[in-house]
Protein backbone atom coordinates (compact mmCIF):
# COMPACT_ATOMS: atom_id res chain seq x y z
CA MET A 1 120.27 50.41 90.20
CA ASN A 2 119.76 47.68 87.54
CA ALA A 3 122.14 45.76 85.42
CA THR A 4 121.71 48.31 82.24
CA SER A 5 122.61 51.32 84.12
CA GLU A 6 125.41 49.64 86.09
CA SER A 7 127.07 48.37 82.66
CA PHE A 8 126.69 52.12 81.33
CA ASP A 9 127.91 53.82 84.53
CA GLY A 10 130.96 51.33 84.34
CA LEU A 11 131.83 52.35 80.96
CA TYR A 12 131.13 55.91 81.70
CA LEU A 13 133.48 55.84 84.45
CA ALA A 14 136.23 53.85 82.96
CA CYS A 15 136.62 56.04 79.91
CA ARG A 16 135.07 59.48 80.12
CA ASP A 17 138.26 61.14 80.95
CA ARG A 18 140.45 59.21 78.30
CA LEU A 19 137.85 60.30 75.76
CA VAL A 20 137.84 63.95 77.11
CA ARG A 21 141.72 64.15 76.56
CA GLN A 22 141.04 62.84 73.06
CA ILE A 23 138.55 65.31 71.98
CA TYR A 24 140.46 68.00 73.59
CA VAL A 25 143.45 67.06 71.40
CA PHE A 26 141.04 67.23 68.32
CA THR A 27 139.25 70.53 69.23
CA GLY A 28 141.94 72.34 71.56
CA ASP A 29 139.42 73.15 74.10
CA GLU A 30 138.40 71.35 77.03
CA THR A 31 135.03 72.64 77.76
CA GLU A 32 134.12 71.85 74.30
CA ALA A 33 135.68 68.30 74.73
CA ARG A 34 133.85 67.79 77.74
CA ASP A 35 130.44 68.85 76.35
CA LEU A 36 130.97 66.74 73.35
CA VAL A 37 131.89 63.72 75.04
CA GLN A 38 128.61 64.26 77.35
CA GLN A 39 126.55 64.25 74.08
CA ALA A 40 128.28 61.04 72.78
CA PHE A 41 127.38 59.11 76.16
CA GLU A 42 123.86 60.54 75.99
CA GLN A 43 123.51 59.16 72.66
CA ALA A 44 125.16 55.88 73.84
CA TRP A 45 122.55 55.86 76.84
CA MET A 46 119.64 56.31 74.31
CA ARG A 47 120.65 53.51 72.48
CA TRP A 48 122.40 51.50 75.18
CA ARG A 49 120.49 48.08 74.33
CA ARG A 50 122.36 47.92 71.15
CA VAL A 51 125.68 49.54 72.16
CA ALA A 52 126.18 47.40 75.00
CA MET A 53 125.99 44.61 72.69
CA LEU A 54 129.00 45.76 70.71
CA ASN A 55 132.61 44.30 71.00
CA ASP A 56 133.75 47.65 71.82
CA PRO A 57 131.47 50.21 73.25
CA GLU A 58 133.93 52.76 74.00
CA ALA A 59 134.95 52.79 70.22
CA TRP A 60 131.30 53.61 69.55
CA VAL A 61 131.18 56.35 71.89
CA ARG A 62 134.61 57.69 70.68
CA LEU A 63 133.30 57.57 67.04
CA VAL A 64 130.10 59.63 67.93
CA ALA A 65 132.26 62.04 70.06
CA PHE A 66 134.74 62.78 67.03
CA ASN A 67 131.74 63.19 64.74
CA LEU A 68 130.21 65.65 66.94
CA ALA A 69 133.42 67.13 67.28
CA LYS A 70 134.04 67.50 63.44
CA ASN A 71 130.48 68.91 63.02
CA HIS A 72 130.91 71.48 65.77
CA ARG A 73 134.36 72.64 64.28
CA ARG A 74 132.77 73.06 61.10
CA TYR A 75 130.09 75.14 62.59
CA LEU A 76 132.60 77.20 64.87
CA ARG A 77 134.56 78.13 61.60
CA HIS A 78 131.53 79.65 60.08
CA VAL A 79 130.62 81.57 63.29
CA ALA A 80 133.75 82.75 65.09
CA PRO A 81 137.63 82.69 64.21
CA SER A 82 139.44 79.99 65.84
CA GLY A 83 142.93 80.20 67.84
CA ASP A 84 141.85 82.51 70.71
CA ALA A 85 144.24 82.00 73.77
CA PRO A 86 142.60 79.69 76.49
CA GLU A 87 141.41 81.50 79.60
CA GLY A 88 142.13 80.41 83.34
CA SER A 89 145.53 78.78 82.50
CA THR A 90 148.16 78.68 85.18
CA ASP A 91 150.99 77.57 82.83
CA THR A 92 153.68 79.73 81.97
CA ILE A 93 153.70 81.86 79.19
CA GLU A 94 155.96 79.72 77.23
CA GLU A 95 154.13 76.48 78.22
CA GLU A 96 150.95 77.93 77.14
CA GLN A 97 152.33 79.35 73.70
CA SER A 98 153.74 75.99 73.04
CA VAL A 99 150.36 74.36 73.59
CA MET A 100 148.57 76.83 71.73
CA ASP A 101 150.97 76.48 68.78
CA PHE A 102 150.54 72.67 68.70
CA HIS A 103 146.81 73.02 68.80
CA LEU A 104 147.24 75.52 65.98
CA ALA A 105 149.45 73.17 63.78
CA LEU A 106 147.11 70.12 64.71
CA ASP A 107 144.14 72.31 63.41
CA GLN A 108 145.80 72.69 59.98
CA LEU A 109 145.30 69.02 59.49
CA ALA A 110 142.40 67.76 57.51
CA PRO A 111 139.87 66.07 60.09
CA ASP A 112 140.60 62.47 58.81
CA PRO A 113 144.59 62.45 59.09
CA LYS A 114 143.91 64.62 62.33
CA ARG A 115 141.58 61.94 63.83
CA ALA A 116 144.09 58.97 62.53
CA LEU A 117 147.16 60.62 64.39
CA ILE A 118 144.88 60.94 67.72
CA LEU A 119 143.53 57.32 67.34
CA TYR A 120 147.06 55.98 66.69
CA HIS A 121 149.30 58.07 69.00
CA LEU A 122 146.93 59.22 71.83
CA VAL A 123 144.46 56.20 71.89
CA GLY A 124 147.21 53.72 71.01
CA LEU A 125 145.08 51.89 68.60
CA SER A 126 147.23 50.02 65.86
CA VAL A 127 146.96 51.07 62.21
CA ALA A 128 144.74 48.04 61.76
CA GLU A 129 142.44 48.98 64.41
CA VAL A 130 142.26 52.70 63.22
CA ALA A 131 141.51 51.45 59.88
CA ALA A 132 138.63 49.50 61.26
CA GLU A 133 137.15 52.23 63.63
CA MET A 134 137.41 54.67 60.74
CA SER A 135 136.28 52.47 58.00
CA VAL A 136 138.95 52.58 55.53
CA PRO A 137 141.93 50.45 54.20
CA VAL A 138 145.04 50.16 56.31
CA GLY A 139 147.01 51.85 53.52
CA THR A 140 144.82 54.92 53.78
CA VAL A 141 145.64 55.15 57.49
CA THR A 142 149.35 54.69 57.00
CA SER A 143 149.15 57.55 54.23
CA TRP A 144 147.14 59.97 56.69
CA LEU A 145 149.49 59.05 59.65
CA HIS A 146 152.57 59.91 57.23
CA ARG A 147 151.18 62.87 55.77
CA GLY A 148 150.01 64.21 59.11
CA ARG A 149 153.22 63.84 60.95
CA THR A 150 154.91 65.60 58.07
CA GLN A 151 152.36 68.33 57.99
CA LEU A 152 152.53 68.80 61.68
CA ALA A 153 156.21 68.89 61.95
CA ASN A 154 156.29 71.55 58.99
CA GLU A 155 153.52 73.64 60.64
CA LEU A 156 155.35 73.74 63.99
CA GLU A 157 158.82 74.37 62.08
CA GLN A 158 157.23 77.43 60.46
CA MET A 159 155.75 78.68 63.65
CA LYS A 160 159.02 78.40 65.28
CA ARG A 161 160.63 80.21 62.33
CA ALA A 162 158.14 82.80 62.60
CA GLY A 163 158.87 83.67 66.16
CA GLY A 164 155.82 81.32 67.70
CA ASP A 165 158.37 79.11 69.75
CA ALA A 166 156.68 75.96 68.65
CA ASP A 167 158.54 73.51 70.98
CA GLU A 168 159.50 70.24 69.65
CA ARG A 169 158.52 68.55 72.61
CA SER A 170 154.87 69.38 72.15
CA ALA A 171 154.63 66.74 69.69
CA GLY A 172 156.67 64.37 71.90
CA GLY A 173 153.77 61.84 72.66
CA PHE A 174 153.79 60.78 68.81
CA ARG A 175 155.00 57.21 68.09
CA ASP A 176 157.19 56.57 64.89
């Protein structure tokens, strides 16, 4: 094994699972998230000499994975309706419903606010880092975060009132 493949392997092992979780939150489908992250790493490998020179190669792979996810979601909306229950879950019915409600509510957000929420709350980037990664002004990110949180809370509340039992704890990982 040479130094090039060792550095790529190190990146892959260090952030693969983290990226899958982030893309899973975006897509609501673990298998799809794994496939998309794999595709992003394949693209990174094909451009590894350039990607390895970046300050944050993980951010590059994350950007590619998010872009692939957005494109894939657009494709799926034209092909099949979303919101099908996940298969093979061992969670209780209530927990499964809560997770499905959260993903349905999250799926109502526009892609940019949704991605900003994930980068800020799940990845733990600062507002300035989210702005840099998304190539937008800080004020835009702040606006997306505020609107995204508000819309997410409203969607969950509507589901709860409609009998969907959207548990407030589903959104518990978000910082103020």
